[in-house]
Amino acid sequence: MKPLVLRPAATELEWQIVKGETYDIHVPVLDEHGDPVDVSAYTAKAQVRHSERDPVLHEWADDTIECVGTEVVLHVRAEETSAWQFTSANFSIETYAPVTSAPRVIAQGVIHALPEYTQ
């Protein structure tokens, strides 16, 4: 398997998540030419923090994040977002190659946690 070579900068994203809602977020993984990369055998991790030095506010791992084809899929669960205490923070997504386990940041950006809708 060819090692993953990413573009010089991670893909910049901005998300708006309504607390109490469930989402599946699909993040494409691209190489240095912008072509899709098959990451089916990879693992991934994603975290939310105010800054690199601040504590983790939320982390996707194990059954809430998966590498499928040429995408990383984050499963955002309603019960988790309802508990979020932040309104805006930074996130990053890393993939890990199966042989080297070398981390590569594939995407980063800002996540906005919007209040739950009342019915």
PDB file of N, CA and C in Angstrom:
ATOM      1  N   MET A   1       0.839  -1.169   0.000  1.00  0.00           N
ATOM      2  CA  MET A   1       0.000   0.000   0.000  1.00  0.00           C
ATOM      3  C   MET A   1       0.888   1.238   0.000  1.00  0.00           C
ATOM      4  N   LYS A   2       0.624   2.135  -0.911  1.00  0.00           N
ATOM      5  CA  LYS A   2       1.391   3.372  -1.024  1.00  0.00           C
ATOM      6  C   LYS A   2       1.115   4.263   0.189  1.00  0.00           C
ATOM      7  N   PRO A   3       2.155   4.855   0.794  1.00  0.00           N
ATOM      8  CA  PRO A   3       1.912   5.730   1.944  1.00  0.00           C
ATOM      9  C   PRO A   3       1.106   6.962   1.545  1.00  0.00           C
ATOM     10  N   LEU A   4       0.301   7.429   2.464  1.00  0.00           N
ATOM     11  CA  LEU A   4      -0.529   8.600   2.225  1.00  0.00           C
ATOM     12  C   LEU A   4       0.336   9.850   2.232  1.00  0.00           C
ATOM     13  N   VAL A   5       0.263  10.621   1.172  1.00  0.00           N
ATOM     14  CA  VAL A   5       0.961  11.899   1.090  1.00  0.00           C
ATOM     15  C   VAL A   5      -0.117  12.961   0.928  1.00  0.00           C
ATOM     16  N   LEU A   6      -0.204  13.830   1.895  1.00  0.00           N
ATOM     17  CA  LEU A   6      -1.253  14.831   1.877  1.00  0.00           C
ATOM     18  C   LEU A   6      -0.800  16.118   1.238  1.00  0.00           C
ATOM     19  N   ARG A   7      -1.770  16.938   0.881  1.00  0.00           N
ATOM     20  CA  ARG A   7      -1.463  18.274   0.409  1.00  0.00           C
ATOM     21  C   ARG A   7      -0.727  19.021   1.516  1.00  0.00           C
ATOM     22  N   PRO A   8       0.008  20.084   1.177  1.00  0.00           N
ATOM     23  CA  PRO A   8       0.775  20.810   2.198  1.00  0.00           C
ATOM     24  C   PRO A   8      -0.067  21.264   3.383  1.00  0.00           C
ATOM     25  N   ALA A   9      -1.299  21.632   3.174  1.00  0.00           N
ATOM     26  CA  ALA A   9      -2.155  22.080   4.270  1.00  0.00           C
ATOM     27  C   ALA A   9      -3.380  21.175   4.350  1.00  0.00           C
ATOM     28  N   ALA A  10      -3.845  20.962   5.553  1.00  0.00           N
ATOM     29  CA  ALA A  10      -5.056  20.170   5.743  1.00  0.00           C
ATOM     30  C   ALA A  10      -6.255  20.921   5.159  1.00  0.00           C
ATOM     31  N   THR A  11      -7.274  20.184   4.774  1.00  0.00           N
ATOM     32  CA  THR A  11      -8.497  20.790   4.266  1.00  0.00           C
ATOM     33  C   THR A  11      -9.148  21.597   5.388  1.00  0.00           C
ATOM     34  N   GLU A  12      -9.467  22.840   5.096  1.00  0.00           N
ATOM     35  CA  GLU A  12     -10.120  23.713   6.077  1.00  0.00           C
ATOM     36  C   GLU A  12     -11.633  23.547   5.963  1.00  0.00           C
ATOM     37  N   LEU A  13     -12.277  23.289   7.101  1.00  0.00           N
ATOM     38  CA  LEU A  13     -13.722  23.096   7.136  1.00  0.00           C
ATOM     39  C   LEU A  13     -14.334  23.946   8.243  1.00  0.00           C
ATOM     40  N   GLU A  14     -15.620  24.225   8.111  1.00  0.00           N
ATOM     41  CA  GLU A  14     -16.362  24.899   9.180  1.00  0.00           C
ATOM     42  C   GLU A  14     -17.712  24.203   9.291  1.00  0.00           C
ATOM     43  N   TRP A  15     -18.048  23.760  10.501  1.00  0.00           N
ATOM     44  CA  TRP A  15     -19.291  23.026  10.714  1.00  0.00           C
ATOM     45  C   TRP A  15     -20.197  23.760  11.671  1.00  0.00           C
ATOM     46  N   GLN A  16     -21.486  23.615  11.448  1.00  0.00           N
ATOM     47  CA  GLN A  16     -22.496  24.073  12.388  1.00  0.00           C
ATOM     48  C   GLN A  16     -23.282  22.849  12.812  1.00  0.00           C
ATOM     49  N   ILE A  17     -23.188  22.515  14.090  1.00  0.00           N
ATOM     50  CA  ILE A  17     -23.847  21.344  14.640  1.00  0.00           C
ATOM     51  C   ILE A  17     -24.918  21.815  15.617  1.00  0.00           C
ATOM     52  N   VAL A  18     -26.144  21.379  15.439  1.00  0.00           N
ATOM     53  CA  VAL A  18     -27.213  21.704  16.378  1.00  0.00           C
ATOM     54  C   VAL A  18     -27.153  20.667  17.495  1.00  0.00           C
ATOM     55  N   LYS A  19     -26.975  21.145  18.727  1.00  0.00           N
ATOM     56  CA  LYS A  19     -26.934  20.235  19.874  1.00  0.00           C
ATOM     57  C   LYS A  19     -28.218  19.415  19.917  1.00  0.00           C
ATOM     58  N   GLY A  20     -28.090  18.143  20.248  1.00  0.00           N
ATOM     59  CA  GLY A  20     -29.247  17.261  20.320  1.00  0.00           C
ATOM     60  C   GLY A  20     -29.623  16.624  18.997  1.00  0.00           C
ATOM     61  N   GLU A  21     -28.882  16.920  17.937  1.00  0.00           N
ATOM     62  CA  GLU A  21     -29.129  16.317  16.620  1.00  0.00           C
ATOM     63  C   GLU A  21     -28.069  15.253  16.340  1.00  0.00           C
ATOM     64  N   THR A  22     -28.390  14.332  15.459  1.00  0.00           N
ATOM     65  CA  THR A  22     -27.470  13.273  15.051  1.00  0.00           C
ATOM     66  C   THR A  22     -27.038  13.540  13.609  1.00  0.00           C
ATOM     67  N   TYR A  23     -25.751  13.401  13.348  1.00  0.00           N
ATOM     68  CA  TYR A  23     -25.188  13.645  12.016  1.00  0.00           C
ATOM     69  C   TYR A  23     -24.177  12.564  11.674  1.00  0.00           C
ATOM     70  N   ASP A  24     -23.973  12.329  10.402  1.00  0.00           N
ATOM     71  CA  ASP A  24     -22.822  11.609   9.876  1.00  0.00           C
ATOM     72  C   ASP A  24     -22.102  12.598   8.970  1.00  0.00           C
ATOM     73  N   ILE A  25     -20.888  12.947   9.335  1.00  0.00           N
ATOM     74  CA  ILE A  25     -20.101  13.902   8.569  1.00  0.00           C
ATOM     75  C   ILE A  25     -19.075  13.133   7.753  1.00  0.00           C
ATOM     76  N   HIS A  26     -19.092  13.302   6.438  1.00  0.00           N
ATOM     77  CA  HIS A  26     -18.186  12.619   5.519  1.00  0.00           C
ATOM     78  C   HIS A  26     -17.092  13.596   5.094  1.00  0.00           C
ATOM     79  N   VAL A  27     -15.845  13.243   5.409  1.00  0.00           N
ATOM     80  CA  VAL A  27     -14.707  14.108   5.091  1.00  0.00           C
ATOM     81  C   VAL A  27     -13.830  13.385   4.073  1.00  0.00           C
ATOM     82  N   PRO A  28     -13.714  13.903   2.853  1.00  0.00           N
ATOM     83  CA  PRO A  28     -12.873  13.242   1.847  1.00  0.00           C
ATOM     84  C   PRO A  28     -11.395  13.341   2.219  1.00  0.00           C
ATOM     85  N   VAL A  29     -10.646  12.291   1.880  1.00  0.00           N
ATOM     86  CA  VAL A  29      -9.193  12.276   2.094  1.00  0.00           C
ATOM     87  C   VAL A  29      -8.539  12.401   0.724  1.00  0.00           C
ATOM     88  N   LEU A  30      -7.723  13.453   0.572  1.00  0.00           N
ATOM     89  CA  LEU A  30      -7.119  13.755  -0.718  1.00  0.00           C
ATOM     90  C   LEU A  30      -5.604  13.741  -0.629  1.00  0.00           C
ATOM     91  N   ASP A  31      -4.954  13.386  -1.744  1.00  0.00           N
ATOM     92  CA  ASP A  31      -3.494  13.411  -1.780  1.00  0.00           C
ATOM     93  C   ASP A  31      -3.005  14.793  -2.181  1.00  0.00           C
ATOM     94  N   GLU A  32      -1.703  14.909  -2.410  1.00  0.00           N
ATOM     95  CA  GLU A  32      -1.110  16.216  -2.729  1.00  0.00           C
ATOM     96  C   GLU A  32      -1.601  16.802  -4.047  1.00  0.00           C
ATOM     97  N   HIS A  33      -2.232  15.978  -4.899  1.00  0.00           N
ATOM     98  CA  HIS A  33      -2.766  16.452  -6.175  1.00  0.00           C
ATOM     99  C   HIS A  33      -4.270  16.713  -6.113  1.00  0.00           C
ATOM    100  N   GLY A  34      -4.854  16.493  -4.938  1.00  0.00           N
ATOM    101  CA  GLY A  34      -6.295  16.666  -4.789  1.00  0.00           C
ATOM    102  C   GLY A  34      -7.094  15.455  -5.207  1.00  0.00           C
ATOM    103  N   ASP A  35      -6.411  14.326  -5.433  1.00  0.00           N
ATOM    104  CA  ASP A  35      -7.100  13.093  -5.812  1.00  0.00           C
ATOM    105  C   ASP A  35      -7.478  12.289  -4.564  1.00  0.00           C
ATOM    106  N   PRO A  36      -8.617  11.589  -4.594  1.00  0.00           N
ATOM    107  CA  PRO A  36      -9.043  10.785  -3.448  1.00  0.00           C
ATOM    108  C   PRO A  36      -8.055   9.662  -3.137  1.00  0.00           C
ATOM    109  N   VAL A  37      -7.887   9.367  -1.850  1.00  0.00           N
ATOM    110  CA  VAL A  37      -6.997   8.315  -1.371  1.00  0.00           C
ATOM    111  C   VAL A  37      -7.828   7.272  -0.633  1.00  0.00           C
ATOM    112  N   ASP A  38      -7.629   6.000  -0.955  1.00  0.00           N
ATOM    113  CA  ASP A  38      -8.345   4.930  -0.257  1.00  0.00           C
ATOM    114  C   ASP A  38      -7.723   4.744   1.131  1.00  0.00           C
ATOM    115  N   VAL A  39      -8.514   4.991   2.157  1.00  0.00           N
ATOM    116  CA  VAL A  39      -8.038   4.868   3.538  1.00  0.00           C
ATOM    117  C   VAL A  39      -8.777   3.758   4.286  1.00  0.00           C
ATOM    118  N   SER A  40      -9.323   2.808   3.549  1.00  0.00           N
ATOM    119  CA  SER A  40     -10.109   1.732   4.163  1.00  0.00           C
ATOM    120  C   SER A  40      -9.363   0.982   5.260  1.00  0.00           C
ATOM    121  N   ALA A  41      -8.056   0.804   5.120  1.00  0.00           N
ATOM    122  CA  ALA A  41      -7.276   0.064   6.110  1.00  0.00           C
ATOM    123  C   ALA A  41      -6.716   0.966   7.215  1.00  0.00           C
ATOM    124  N   TYR A  42      -6.991   2.252   7.148  1.00  0.00           N
ATOM    125  CA  TYR A  42      -6.470   3.209   8.116  1.00  0.00           C
ATOM    126  C   TYR A  42      -7.383   3.303   9.341  1.00  0.00           C
ATOM    127  N   THR A  43      -6.885   3.955  10.372  1.00  0.00           N
ATOM    128  CA  THR A  43      -7.702   4.354  11.502  1.00  0.00           C
ATOM    129  C   THR A  43      -7.665   5.880  11.573  1.00  0.00           C
ATOM    130  N   ALA A  44      -8.549   6.449  12.367  1.00  0.00           N
ATOM    131  CA  ALA A  44      -8.615   7.904  12.444  1.00  0.00           C
ATOM    132  C   ALA A  44      -8.993   8.344  13.851  1.00  0.00           C
ATOM    133  N   LYS A  45      -8.707   9.597  14.123  1.00  0.00           N
ATOM    134  CA  LYS A  45      -9.069  10.219  15.390  1.00  0.00           C
ATOM    135  C   LYS A  45      -9.419  11.672  15.095  1.00  0.00           C
ATOM    136  N   ALA A  46     -10.376  12.204  15.812  1.00  0.00           N
ATOM    137  CA  ALA A  46     -10.743  13.613  15.677  1.00  0.00           C
ATOM    138  C   ALA A  46     -11.009  14.175  17.062  1.00  0.00           C
ATOM    139  N   GLN A  47     -10.568  15.408  17.262  1.00  0.00           N
ATOM    140  CA  GLN A  47     -10.741  16.062  18.557  1.00  0.00           C
ATOM    141  C   GLN A  47     -11.239  17.483  18.376  1.00  0.00           C
ATOM    142  N   VAL A  48     -11.920  17.976  19.419  1.00  0.00           N
ATOM    143  CA  VAL A  48     -12.358  19.360  19.503  1.00  0.00           C
ATOM    144  C   VAL A  48     -11.673  19.980  20.717  1.00  0.00           C
ATOM    145  N   ARG A  49     -11.060  21.148  20.501  1.00  0.00           N
ATOM    146  CA  ARG A  49     -10.392  21.910  21.559  1.00  0.00           C
ATOM    147  C   ARG A  49     -10.544  23.389  21.247  1.00  0.00           C
ATOM    148  N   HIS A  50     -10.359  24.216  22.276  1.00  0.00           N
ATOM    149  CA  HIS A  50     -10.334  25.658  22.007  1.00  0.00           C
ATOM    150  C   HIS A  50      -9.023  26.037  21.317  1.00  0.00           C
ATOM    151  N   SER A  51      -7.915  25.411  21.734  1.00  0.00           N
ATOM    152  CA  SER A  51      -6.608  25.615  21.098  1.00  0.00           C
ATOM    153  C   SER A  51      -5.797  24.347  21.322  1.00  0.00           C
ATOM    154  N   GLU A  52      -4.636  24.262  20.679  1.00  0.00           N
ATOM    155  CA  GLU A  52      -3.789  23.065  20.807  1.00  0.00           C
ATOM    156  C   GLU A  52      -3.401  22.777  22.244  1.00  0.00           C
ATOM    157  N   ARG A  53      -3.294  23.806  23.059  1.00  0.00           N
ATOM    158  CA  ARG A  53      -2.834  23.637  24.446  1.00  0.00           C
ATOM    159  C   ARG A  53      -3.971  23.378  25.427  1.00  0.00           C
ATOM    160  N   ASP A  54      -5.205  23.579  25.008  1.00  0.00           N
ATOM    161  CA  ASP A  54      -6.350  23.408  25.895  1.00  0.00           C
ATOM    162  C   ASP A  54      -6.784  21.953  25.970  1.00  0.00           C
ATOM    163  N   PRO A  55      -7.527  21.614  27.017  1.00  0.00           N
ATOM    164  CA  PRO A  55      -8.012  20.234  27.150  1.00  0.00           C
ATOM    165  C   PRO A  55      -8.975  19.852  26.021  1.00  0.00           C
ATOM    166  N   VAL A  56      -9.092  18.566  25.781  1.00  0.00           N
ATOM    167  CA  VAL A  56     -10.007  18.037  24.771  1.00  0.00           C
ATOM    168  C   VAL A  56     -11.445  18.241  25.243  1.00  0.00           C
ATOM    169  N   LEU A  57     -12.261  18.839  24.390  1.00  0.00           N
ATOM    170  CA  LEU A  57     -13.672  19.068  24.694  1.00  0.00           C
ATOM    171  C   LEU A  57     -14.543  17.910  24.205  1.00  0.00           C
ATOM    172  N   HIS A  58     -14.127  17.302  23.114  1.00  0.00           N
ATOM    173  CA  HIS A  58     -14.830  16.138  22.560  1.00  0.00           C
ATOM    174  C   HIS A  58     -13.846  15.366  21.698  1.00  0.00           C
ATOM    175  N   GLU A  59     -13.983  14.035  21.695  1.00  0.00           N
ATOM    176  CA  GLU A  59     -13.123  13.210  20.854  1.00  0.00           C
ATOM    177  C   GLU A  59     -13.951  12.117  20.195  1.00  0.00           C
ATOM    178  N   TRP A  60     -13.711  11.935  18.899  1.00  0.00           N
ATOM    179  CA  TRP A  60     -14.298  10.817  18.181  1.00  0.00           C
ATOM    180  C   TRP A  60     -13.256   9.713  18.148  1.00  0.00           C
ATOM    181  N   ALA A  61     -13.644   8.532  18.490  1.00  0.00           N
ATOM    182  CA  ALA A  61     -12.737   7.389  18.454  1.00  0.00           C
ATOM    183  C   ALA A  61     -13.573   6.116  18.386  1.00  0.00           C
ATOM    184  N   ASP A  62     -12.910   5.021  18.075  1.00  0.00           N
ATOM    185  CA  ASP A  62     -13.530   3.699  18.044  1.00  0.00           C
ATOM    186  C   ASP A  62     -14.791   3.658  17.192  1.00  0.00           C
ATOM    187  N   ASP A  63     -15.975   3.527  17.809  1.00  0.00           N
ATOM    188  CA  ASP A  63     -17.196   3.327  17.027  1.00  0.00           C
ATOM    189  C   ASP A  63     -17.835   4.631  16.553  1.00  0.00           C
ATOM    190  N   THR A  64     -17.214   5.788  16.813  1.00  0.00           N
ATOM    191  CA  THR A  64     -17.796   7.053  16.364  1.00  0.00           C
ATOM    192  C   THR A  64     -17.024   7.681  15.206  1.00  0.00           C
ATOM    193  N   ILE A  65     -15.975   7.003  14.750  1.00  0.00           N
ATOM    194  CA  ILE A  65     -15.218   7.486  13.598  1.00  0.00           C
ATOM    195  C   ILE A  65     -14.738   6.273  12.813  1.00  0.00           C
ATOM    196  N   GLU A  66     -14.795   6.346  11.493  1.00  0.00           N
ATOM    197  CA  GLU A  66     -14.336   5.223  10.679  1.00  0.00           C
ATOM    198  C   GLU A  66     -13.803   5.710   9.342  1.00  0.00           C
ATOM    199  N   CYS A  67     -12.908   4.919   8.803  1.00  0.00           N
ATOM    200  CA  CYS A  67     -12.349   5.180   7.474  1.00  0.00           C
ATOM    201  C   CYS A  67     -13.060   4.264   6.498  1.00  0.00           C
ATOM    202  N   VAL A  68     -13.757   4.867   5.532  1.00  0.00           N
ATOM    203  CA  VAL A  68     -14.562   4.116   4.580  1.00  0.00           C
ATOM    204  C   VAL A  68     -14.209   4.597   3.181  1.00  0.00           C
ATOM    205  N   GLY A  69     -13.592   3.726   2.400  1.00  0.00           N
ATOM    206  CA  GLY A  69     -13.220   4.107   1.039  1.00  0.00           C
ATOM    207  C   GLY A  69     -12.249   5.268   1.054  1.00  0.00           C
ATOM    208  N   THR A  70     -12.662   6.390   0.506  1.00  0.00           N
ATOM    209  CA  THR A  70     -11.806   7.578   0.426  1.00  0.00           C
ATOM    210  C   THR A  70     -12.270   8.679   1.380  1.00  0.00           C
ATOM    211  N   GLU A  71     -12.992   8.271   2.421  1.00  0.00           N
ATOM    212  CA  GLU A  71     -13.519   9.249   3.374  1.00  0.00           C
ATOM    213  C   GLU A  71     -13.281   8.814   4.818  1.00  0.00           C
ATOM    214  N   VAL A  72     -13.237   9.812   5.695  1.00  0.00           N
ATOM    215  CA  VAL A  72     -13.348   9.578   7.124  1.00  0.00           C
ATOM    216  C   VAL A  72     -14.761  10.002   7.491  1.00  0.00           C
ATOM    217  N   VAL A  73     -15.482   9.133   8.186  1.00  0.00           N
ATOM    218  CA  VAL A  73     -16.858   9.424   8.572  1.00  0.00           C
ATOM    219  C   VAL A  73     -16.915   9.592  10.085  1.00  0.00           C
ATOM    220  N   LEU A  74     -17.392  10.757  10.514  1.00  0.00           N
ATOM    221  CA  LEU A  74     -17.586  11.039  11.929  1.00  0.00           C
ATOM    222  C   LEU A  74     -19.063  10.892  12.246  1.00  0.00           C
ATOM    223  N   HIS A  75     -19.378  10.077  13.240  1.00  0.00           N
ATOM    224  CA  HIS A  75     -20.755   9.901  13.678  1.00  0.00           C
ATOM    225  C   HIS A  75     -20.969  10.829  14.872  1.00  0.00           C
ATOM    226  N   VAL A  76     -21.788  11.832  14.674  1.00  0.00           N
ATOM    227  CA  VAL A  76     -22.078  12.810  15.706  1.00  0.00           C
ATOM    228  C   VAL A  76     -23.395  12.394  16.347  1.00  0.00           C
ATOM    229  N   ARG A  77     -23.347  12.046  17.623  1.00  0.00           N
ATOM    230  CA  ARG A  77     -24.518  11.503  18.302  1.00  0.00           C
ATOM    231  C   ARG A  77     -25.221  12.563  19.141  1.00  0.00           C
ATOM    232  N   ALA A  78     -26.546  12.523  19.105  1.00  0.00           N
ATOM    233  CA  ALA A  78     -27.371  13.518  19.793  1.00  0.00           C
ATOM    234  C   ALA A  78     -27.064  13.580  21.283  1.00  0.00           C
ATOM    235  N   GLU A  79     -26.921  12.432  21.915  1.00  0.00           N
ATOM    236  CA  GLU A  79     -26.681  12.424  23.360  1.00  0.00           C
ATOM    237  C   GLU A  79     -25.337  13.058  23.726  1.00  0.00           C
ATOM    238  N   GLU A  80     -24.375  12.998  22.821  1.00  0.00           N
ATOM    239  CA  GLU A  80     -23.079  13.627  23.071  1.00  0.00           C
ATOM    240  C   GLU A  80     -23.147  15.135  22.843  1.00  0.00           C
ATOM    241  N   THR A  81     -23.767  15.552  21.737  1.00  0.00           N
ATOM    242  CA  THR A  81     -23.829  16.992  21.447  1.00  0.00           C
ATOM    243  C   THR A  81     -24.680  17.739  22.460  1.00  0.00           C
ATOM    244  N   SER A  82     -25.685  17.089  23.018  1.00  0.00           N
ATOM    245  CA  SER A  82     -26.511  17.736  24.038  1.00  0.00           C
ATOM    246  C   SER A  82     -25.678  18.145  25.246  1.00  0.00           C
ATOM    247  N   ALA A  83     -24.611  17.401  25.510  1.00  0.00           N
ATOM    248  CA  ALA A  83     -23.762  17.670  26.677  1.00  0.00           C
ATOM    249  C   ALA A  83     -22.649  18.678  26.396  1.00  0.00           C
ATOM    250  N   TRP A  84     -22.451  19.067  25.145  1.00  0.00           N
ATOM    251  CA  TRP A  84     -21.377  20.000  24.822  1.00  0.00           C
ATOM    252  C   TRP A  84     -21.596  21.320  25.549  1.00  0.00           C
ATOM    253  N   GLN A  85     -20.529  21.811  26.192  1.00  0.00           N
ATOM    254  CA  GLN A  85     -20.580  23.077  26.917  1.00  0.00           C
ATOM    255  C   GLN A  85     -20.005  24.237  26.104  1.00  0.00           C
ATOM    256  N   PHE A  86     -19.426  23.950  24.965  1.00  0.00           N
ATOM    257  CA  PHE A  86     -18.823  25.008  24.146  1.00  0.00           C
ATOM    258  C   PHE A  86     -19.793  25.459  23.064  1.00  0.00           C
ATOM    259  N   THR A  87     -19.596  26.683  22.581  1.00  0.00           N
ATOM    260  CA  THR A  87     -20.401  27.184  21.463  1.00  0.00           C
ATOM    261  C   THR A  87     -19.573  27.268  20.187  1.00  0.00           C
ATOM    262  N   SER A  88     -18.252  27.414  20.337  1.00  0.00           N
ATOM    263  CA  SER A  88     -17.361  27.467  19.184  1.00  0.00           C
ATOM    264  C   SER A  88     -15.989  26.978  19.621  1.00  0.00           C
ATOM    265  N   ALA A  89     -15.392  26.119  18.821  1.00  0.00           N
ATOM    266  CA  ALA A  89     -14.074  25.566  19.144  1.00  0.00           C
ATOM    267  C   ALA A  89     -13.421  25.086  17.848  1.00  0.00           C
ATOM    268  N   ASN A  90     -12.185  24.645  17.955  1.00  0.00           N
ATOM    269  CA  ASN A  90     -11.436  24.130  16.803  1.00  0.00           C
ATOM    270  C   ASN A  90     -11.447  22.606  16.815  1.00  0.00           C
ATOM    271  N   PHE A  91     -11.406  22.020  15.628  1.00  0.00           N
ATOM    272  CA  PHE A  91     -11.317  20.563  15.529  1.00  0.00           C
ATOM    273  C   PHE A  91     -10.207  20.193  14.553  1.00  0.00           C
ATOM    274  N   SER A  92      -9.729  18.971  14.707  1.00  0.00           N
ATOM    275  CA  SER A  92      -8.789  18.421  13.729  1.00  0.00           C
ATOM    276  C   SER A  92      -9.090  16.934  13.580  1.00  0.00           C
ATOM    277  N   ILE A  93      -8.792  16.430  12.368  1.00  0.00           N
ATOM    278  CA  ILE A  93      -8.996  15.016  12.054  1.00  0.00           C
ATOM    279  C   ILE A  93      -7.672  14.460  11.564  1.00  0.00           C
ATOM    280  N   GLU A  94      -7.239  13.337  12.140  1.00  0.00           N
ATOM    281  CA  GLU A  94      -6.000  12.667  11.741  1.00  0.00           C
ATOM    282  C   GLU A  94      -6.308  11.265  11.258  1.00  0.00           C
ATOM    283  N   THR A  95      -5.528  10.800  10.286  1.00  0.00           N
ATOM    284  CA  THR A  95      -5.566   9.391   9.894  1.00  0.00           C
ATOM    285  C   THR A  95      -4.245   8.753  10.286  1.00  0.00           C
ATOM    286  N   TYR A  96      -4.288   7.438  10.472  1.00  0.00           N
ATOM    287  CA  TYR A  96      -3.110   6.674  10.859  1.00  0.00           C
ATOM    288  C   TYR A  96      -2.943   5.511   9.885  1.00  0.00           C
ATOM    289  N   ALA A  97      -1.795   5.467   9.222  1.00  0.00           N
ATOM    290  CA  ALA A  97      -1.502   4.408   8.258  1.00  0.00           C
ATOM    291  C   ALA A  97      -1.396   3.070   8.991  1.00  0.00           C
ATOM    292  N   PRO A  98      -1.825   1.982   8.348  1.00  0.00           N
ATOM    293  CA  PRO A  98      -1.833   0.678   9.019  1.00  0.00           C
ATOM    294  C   PRO A  98      -0.451   0.147   9.399  1.00  0.00           C
ATOM    295  N   VAL A  99       0.575   0.442   8.638  1.00  0.00           N
ATOM    296  CA  VAL A  99       1.902  -0.107   8.915  1.00  0.00           C
ATOM    297  C   VAL A  99       2.713   0.817   9.813  1.00  0.00           C
ATOM    298  N   THR A 100       2.762   2.086   9.465  1.00  0.00           N
ATOM    299  CA  THR A 100       3.617   3.022  10.194  1.00  0.00           C
ATOM    300  C   THR A 100       2.924   3.678  11.375  1.00  0.00           C
ATOM    301  N   SER A 101       1.619   3.731  11.369  1.00  0.00           N
ATOM    302  CA  SER A 101       0.825   4.440  12.380  1.00  0.00           C
ATOM    303  C   SER A 101       1.191   5.916  12.470  1.00  0.00           C
ATOM    304  N   ALA A 102       1.801   6.447  11.420  1.00  0.00           N
ATOM    305  CA  ALA A 102       2.168   7.862  11.401  1.00  0.00           C
ATOM    306  C   ALA A 102       0.912   8.709  11.228  1.00  0.00           C
ATOM    307  N   PRO A 103       0.696   9.686  12.119  1.00  0.00           N
ATOM    308  CA  PRO A 103      -0.499  10.516  11.994  1.00  0.00           C
ATOM    309  C   PRO A 103      -0.361  11.559  10.895  1.00  0.00           C
ATOM    310  N   ARG A 104      -1.455  11.828  10.200  1.00  0.00           N
ATOM    311  CA  ARG A 104      -1.517  12.869   9.188  1.00  0.00           C
ATOM    312  C   ARG A 104      -2.807  13.643   9.407  1.00  0.00           C
ATOM    313  N   VAL A 105      -2.696  14.949   9.607  1.00  0.00           N
ATOM    314  CA  VAL A 105      -3.888  15.781   9.748  1.00  0.00           C
ATOM    315  C   VAL A 105      -4.485  15.957   8.357  1.00  0.00           C
ATOM    316  N   ILE A 106      -5.737  15.522   8.187  1.00  0.00           N
ATOM    317  CA  ILE A 106      -6.383  15.626   6.876  1.00  0.00           C
ATOM    318  C   ILE A 106      -7.354  16.789   6.799  1.00  0.00           C
ATOM    319  N   ALA A 107      -7.856  17.236   7.955  1.00  0.00           N
ATOM    320  CA  ALA A 107      -8.805  18.344   7.963  1.00  0.00           C
ATOM    321  C   ALA A 107      -8.772  19.027   9.322  1.00  0.00           C
ATOM    322  N   GLN A 108      -9.093  20.294   9.304  1.00  0.00           N
ATOM    323  CA  GLN A 108      -9.164  21.058  10.541  1.00  0.00           C
ATOM    324  C   GLN A 108     -10.082  22.246  10.306  1.00  0.00           C
ATOM    325  N   GLY A 109     -10.525  22.845  11.385  1.00  0.00           N
ATOM    326  CA  GLY A 109     -11.375  24.009  11.231  1.00  0.00           C
ATOM    327  C   GLY A 109     -12.110  24.351  12.500  1.00  0.00           C
ATOM    328  N   VAL A 110     -13.246  25.015  12.323  1.00  0.00           N
ATOM    329  CA  VAL A 110     -14.047  25.497  13.440  1.00  0.00           C
ATOM    330  C   VAL A 110     -15.374  24.747  13.464  1.00  0.00           C
ATOM    331  N   ILE A 111     -15.792  24.383  14.669  1.00  0.00           N
ATOM    332  CA  ILE A 111     -17.094  23.763  14.859  1.00  0.00           C
ATOM    333  C   ILE A 111     -17.920  24.687  15.751  1.00  0.00           C
ATOM    334  N   HIS A 112     -19.135  24.982  15.300  1.00  0.00           N
ATOM    335  CA  HIS A 112     -20.054  25.822  16.054  1.00  0.00           C
ATOM    336  C   HIS A 112     -21.155  24.920  16.594  1.00  0.00           C
ATOM    337  N   ALA A 113     -21.328  24.921  17.906  1.00  0.00           N
ATOM    338  CA  ALA A 113     -22.376  24.129  18.553  1.00  0.00           C
ATOM    339  C   ALA A 113     -23.564  25.048  18.817  1.00  0.00           C
ATOM    340  N   LEU A 114     -24.605  24.878  18.020  1.00  0.00           N
ATOM    341  CA  LEU A 114     -25.782  25.736  18.108  1.00  0.00           C
ATOM    342  C   LEU A 114     -26.773  25.171  19.133  1.00  0.00           C
ATOM    343  N   PRO A 115     -27.570  26.033  19.767  1.00  0.00           N
ATOM    344  CA  PRO A 115     -28.515  25.548  20.771  1.00  0.00           C
ATOM    345  C   PRO A 115     -29.517  24.553  20.183  1.00  0.00           C
ATOM    346  N   GLU A 116     -29.998  23.655  21.057  1.00  0.00           N
ATOM    347  CA  GLU A 116     -31.011  22.684  20.625  1.00  0.00           C
ATOM    348  C   GLU A 116     -32.301  23.417  20.290  1.00  0.00           C
ATOM    349  N   TYR A 117     -33.004  22.879  19.304  1.00  0.00           N
ATOM    350  CA  TYR A 117     -34.302  23.424  18.951  1.00  0.00           C
ATOM    351  C   TYR A 117     -35.336  22.904  19.925  1.00  0.00           C
ATOM    352  N   THR A 118     -36.273  23.734  20.289  1.00  0.00           N
ATOM    353  CA  THR A 118     -37.375  23.273  21.128  1.00  0.00           C
ATOM    354  C   THR A 118     -38.568  22.947  20.231  1.00  0.00           C
ATOM    355  N   GLN A 119     -39.378  22.011  20.652  1.00  0.00           N
ATOM    356  CA  GLN A 119     -40.503  21.597  19.826  1.00  0.00           C
ATOM    357  C   GLN A 119     -41.808  21.875  20.526  1.00  0.00           C
TER     358      GLN A 119
END
